[in-house]
Amino acid sequence: MIREEFNVHMLNDQGKQKATRIAEIFSLALDQLEGVCDKSGREMAIVRTHMQDASFYAKRAMAIQCENNITEL
């Protein structure tokens, strides 16, 4: 038996659309930050890394909601 923490979530069309929207939001935010702060430097590399992490967790938070999953495999 697989624990819920490690379960795979197969997204339905609604979930895929939400995942795309999350990616768009983070992309826009990073573009805007790079416009203000410049793209180079260690600090911006850290910003990008943490935004990638945040995007992953935002998508996971969305994916674990039943309405965004394919219920039958």
N, C-alpha and C. Protein backbone atom coordinates (compact mmCIF):
# COMPACT_ATOMS: atom_id res chain seq x y z
N MET A 1 0.84 -1.18 0.00
CA MET A 1 0.00 0.00 0.00
C MET A 1 0.89 1.24 0.00
N ILE A 2 0.53 2.22 -0.81
CA ILE A 2 1.29 3.47 -0.90
C ILE A 2 0.65 4.50 0.02
N ARG A 3 1.48 5.11 0.85
CA ARG A 3 1.00 6.17 1.73
C ARG A 3 0.55 7.37 0.90
N GLU A 4 -0.41 8.12 1.38
CA GLU A 4 -0.96 9.28 0.66
C GLU A 4 0.12 10.31 0.33
N GLU A 5 1.12 10.46 1.22
CA GLU A 5 2.18 11.45 0.99
C GLU A 5 2.97 11.18 -0.29
N PHE A 6 2.95 9.92 -0.75
CA PHE A 6 3.76 9.53 -1.89
C PHE A 6 2.93 9.12 -3.10
N ASN A 7 1.65 9.32 -3.01
CA ASN A 7 0.74 8.91 -4.07
C ASN A 7 0.92 9.78 -5.31
N VAL A 8 0.71 9.18 -6.48
CA VAL A 8 0.75 9.89 -7.75
C VAL A 8 -0.63 10.45 -8.02
N HIS A 9 -0.68 11.67 -8.50
CA HIS A 9 -1.95 12.32 -8.81
C HIS A 9 -2.01 12.55 -10.32
N MET A 10 -2.92 11.89 -10.98
CA MET A 10 -3.11 12.05 -12.42
C MET A 10 -4.15 13.14 -12.62
N LEU A 11 -3.75 14.22 -13.26
CA LEU A 11 -4.64 15.37 -13.42
C LEU A 11 -5.65 15.15 -14.54
N ASN A 12 -6.87 15.61 -14.29
CA ASN A 12 -7.87 15.66 -15.34
C ASN A 12 -7.66 16.96 -16.13
N ASP A 13 -8.51 17.25 -17.09
CA ASP A 13 -8.33 18.45 -17.92
C ASP A 13 -8.37 19.73 -17.08
N GLN A 14 -9.27 19.77 -16.11
CA GLN A 14 -9.35 20.94 -15.22
C GLN A 14 -8.05 21.11 -14.45
N GLY A 15 -7.51 20.03 -13.94
CA GLY A 15 -6.25 20.08 -13.20
C GLY A 15 -5.09 20.53 -14.09
N LYS A 16 -5.06 20.05 -15.33
CA LYS A 16 -4.01 20.46 -16.26
C LYS A 16 -4.10 21.95 -16.55
N GLN A 17 -5.32 22.46 -16.71
CA GLN A 17 -5.50 23.89 -16.95
C GLN A 17 -5.02 24.70 -15.74
N LYS A 18 -5.32 24.22 -14.55
CA LYS A 18 -4.87 24.91 -13.34
C LYS A 18 -3.35 24.87 -13.20
N ALA A 19 -2.74 23.74 -13.54
CA ALA A 19 -1.27 23.63 -13.49
C ALA A 19 -0.63 24.61 -14.46
N THR A 20 -1.21 24.73 -15.64
CA THR A 20 -0.71 25.70 -16.62
C THR A 20 -0.86 27.12 -16.10
N ARG A 21 -1.99 27.42 -15.49
CA ARG A 21 -2.22 28.77 -14.94
C ARG A 21 -1.22 29.08 -13.83
N ILE A 22 -0.94 28.13 -12.97
CA ILE A 22 0.05 28.32 -11.91
C ILE A 22 1.41 28.64 -12.54
N ALA A 23 1.80 27.88 -13.56
CA ALA A 23 3.08 28.12 -14.25
C ALA A 23 3.10 29.52 -14.86
N GLU A 24 2.00 29.95 -15.45
CA GLU A 24 1.93 31.29 -16.03
C GLU A 24 2.10 32.37 -14.97
N ILE A 25 1.47 32.19 -13.82
CA ILE A 25 1.56 33.16 -12.73
C ILE A 25 3.00 33.30 -12.25
N PHE A 26 3.66 32.16 -12.02
CA PHE A 26 5.05 32.21 -11.56
C PHE A 26 5.97 32.78 -12.63
N SER A 27 5.72 32.45 -13.91
CA SER A 27 6.53 32.99 -15.00
C SER A 27 6.42 34.50 -15.07
N LEU A 28 5.21 35.01 -14.98
CA LEU A 28 4.99 36.45 -15.02
C LEU A 28 5.66 37.14 -13.83
N ALA A 29 5.52 36.57 -12.66
CA ALA A 29 6.13 37.15 -11.46
C ALA A 29 7.65 37.19 -11.60
N LEU A 30 8.25 36.11 -12.09
CA LEU A 30 9.71 36.08 -12.25
C LEU A 30 10.16 37.07 -13.31
N ASP A 31 9.42 37.17 -14.41
CA ASP A 31 9.75 38.16 -15.44
C ASP A 31 9.75 39.57 -14.85
N GLN A 32 8.75 39.88 -14.05
CA GLN A 32 8.66 41.20 -13.45
C GLN A 32 9.78 41.45 -12.45
N LEU A 33 10.10 40.45 -11.64
CA LEU A 33 11.20 40.60 -10.70
C LEU A 33 12.53 40.81 -11.41
N GLU A 34 12.75 40.06 -12.48
CA GLU A 34 13.99 40.23 -13.24
C GLU A 34 14.07 41.61 -13.87
N GLY A 35 12.94 42.19 -14.20
CA GLY A 35 12.92 43.56 -14.74
C GLY A 35 13.32 44.59 -13.70
N VAL A 36 13.03 44.32 -12.46
CA VAL A 36 13.35 45.24 -11.37
C VAL A 36 14.75 44.97 -10.82
N CYS A 37 15.11 43.70 -10.69
CA CYS A 37 16.33 43.31 -9.97
C CYS A 37 17.48 42.89 -10.87
N ASP A 38 17.28 42.76 -12.16
CA ASP A 38 18.27 42.23 -13.10
C ASP A 38 18.28 40.71 -13.00
N LYS A 39 18.68 40.06 -14.06
CA LYS A 39 18.64 38.60 -14.13
C LYS A 39 19.86 37.94 -13.52
N SER A 40 20.94 38.66 -13.41
CA SER A 40 22.20 38.04 -13.00
C SER A 40 22.38 38.10 -11.49
N GLY A 41 23.37 37.40 -11.05
CA GLY A 41 23.73 37.44 -9.65
C GLY A 41 23.23 36.24 -8.86
N ARG A 42 23.92 35.99 -7.80
CA ARG A 42 23.62 34.86 -6.92
C ARG A 42 22.23 34.98 -6.31
N GLU A 43 21.89 36.19 -5.88
CA GLU A 43 20.59 36.37 -5.22
C GLU A 43 19.43 36.05 -6.15
N MET A 44 19.52 36.47 -7.42
CA MET A 44 18.44 36.15 -8.36
C MET A 44 18.41 34.66 -8.67
N ALA A 45 19.55 34.01 -8.66
CA ALA A 45 19.57 32.56 -8.84
C ALA A 45 18.81 31.89 -7.69
N ILE A 46 18.99 32.41 -6.49
CA ILE A 46 18.27 31.87 -5.32
C ILE A 46 16.78 32.16 -5.45
N VAL A 47 16.43 33.36 -5.92
CA VAL A 47 15.02 33.70 -6.14
C VAL A 47 14.40 32.71 -7.12
N ARG A 48 15.07 32.45 -8.24
CA ARG A 48 14.54 31.51 -9.24
C ARG A 48 14.35 30.12 -8.63
N THR A 49 15.35 29.67 -7.88
CA THR A 49 15.26 28.34 -7.27
C THR A 49 14.08 28.25 -6.31
N HIS A 50 13.90 29.26 -5.48
CA HIS A 50 12.80 29.23 -4.52
C HIS A 50 11.45 29.38 -5.21
N MET A 51 11.41 30.12 -6.30
CA MET A 51 10.15 30.22 -7.04
C MET A 51 9.82 28.89 -7.72
N GLN A 52 10.84 28.17 -8.19
CA GLN A 52 10.60 26.84 -8.75
C GLN A 52 10.04 25.92 -7.67
N ASP A 53 10.62 25.99 -6.48
CA ASP A 53 10.11 25.20 -5.36
C ASP A 53 8.67 25.57 -5.04
N ALA A 54 8.40 26.87 -4.96
CA ALA A 54 7.05 27.34 -4.64
C ALA A 54 6.05 26.91 -5.70
N SER A 55 6.46 26.97 -6.97
CA SER A 55 5.59 26.53 -8.06
C SER A 55 5.26 25.05 -7.93
N PHE A 56 6.27 24.24 -7.61
CA PHE A 56 6.05 22.81 -7.41
C PHE A 56 5.01 22.57 -6.32
N TYR A 57 5.17 23.25 -5.19
CA TYR A 57 4.25 23.03 -4.07
C TYR A 57 2.86 23.59 -4.35
N ALA A 58 2.78 24.68 -5.10
CA ALA A 58 1.47 25.20 -5.49
C ALA A 58 0.75 24.19 -6.38
N LYS A 59 1.48 23.60 -7.33
CA LYS A 59 0.88 22.60 -8.21
C LYS A 59 0.49 21.36 -7.41
N ARG A 60 1.31 20.97 -6.46
CA ARG A 60 0.97 19.81 -5.63
C ARG A 60 -0.28 20.10 -4.79
N ALA A 61 -0.36 21.30 -4.23
CA ALA A 61 -1.54 21.67 -3.44
C ALA A 61 -2.81 21.60 -4.29
N MET A 62 -2.70 21.99 -5.55
CA MET A 62 -3.84 21.91 -6.45
C MET A 62 -4.11 20.45 -6.81
N ALA A 63 -3.05 19.68 -7.08
CA ALA A 63 -3.21 18.31 -7.57
C ALA A 63 -3.85 17.38 -6.54
N ILE A 64 -3.66 17.65 -5.27
CA ILE A 64 -4.24 16.75 -4.27
C ILE A 64 -5.73 16.96 -4.05
N GLN A 65 -6.28 18.00 -4.65
CA GLN A 65 -7.72 18.23 -4.55
C GLN A 65 -8.43 17.26 -5.51
N CYS A 66 -9.37 16.54 -4.99
CA CYS A 66 -10.06 15.47 -5.76
C CYS A 66 -10.65 15.96 -7.08
N GLU A 67 -11.17 17.18 -7.10
CA GLU A 67 -11.82 17.66 -8.32
C GLU A 67 -10.84 17.87 -9.48
N ASN A 68 -9.53 17.82 -9.20
CA ASN A 68 -8.52 18.01 -10.24
C ASN A 68 -7.88 16.71 -10.70
N ASN A 69 -8.36 15.59 -10.18
CA ASN A 69 -7.77 14.28 -10.47
C ASN A 69 -8.65 13.42 -11.33
N ILE A 70 -7.99 12.54 -12.07
CA ILE A 70 -8.70 11.47 -12.77
C ILE A 70 -8.99 10.43 -11.68
N THR A 71 -10.24 10.09 -11.50
CA THR A 71 -10.60 9.20 -10.40
C THR A 71 -10.46 7.72 -10.74
N GLU A 72 -10.51 7.41 -12.02
CA GLU A 72 -10.39 6.01 -12.42
C GLU A 72 -9.21 5.87 -13.38
N LEU A 73 -8.42 4.85 -13.16
CA LEU A 73 -7.26 4.60 -14.04
C LEU A 73 -7.47 3.36 -14.85
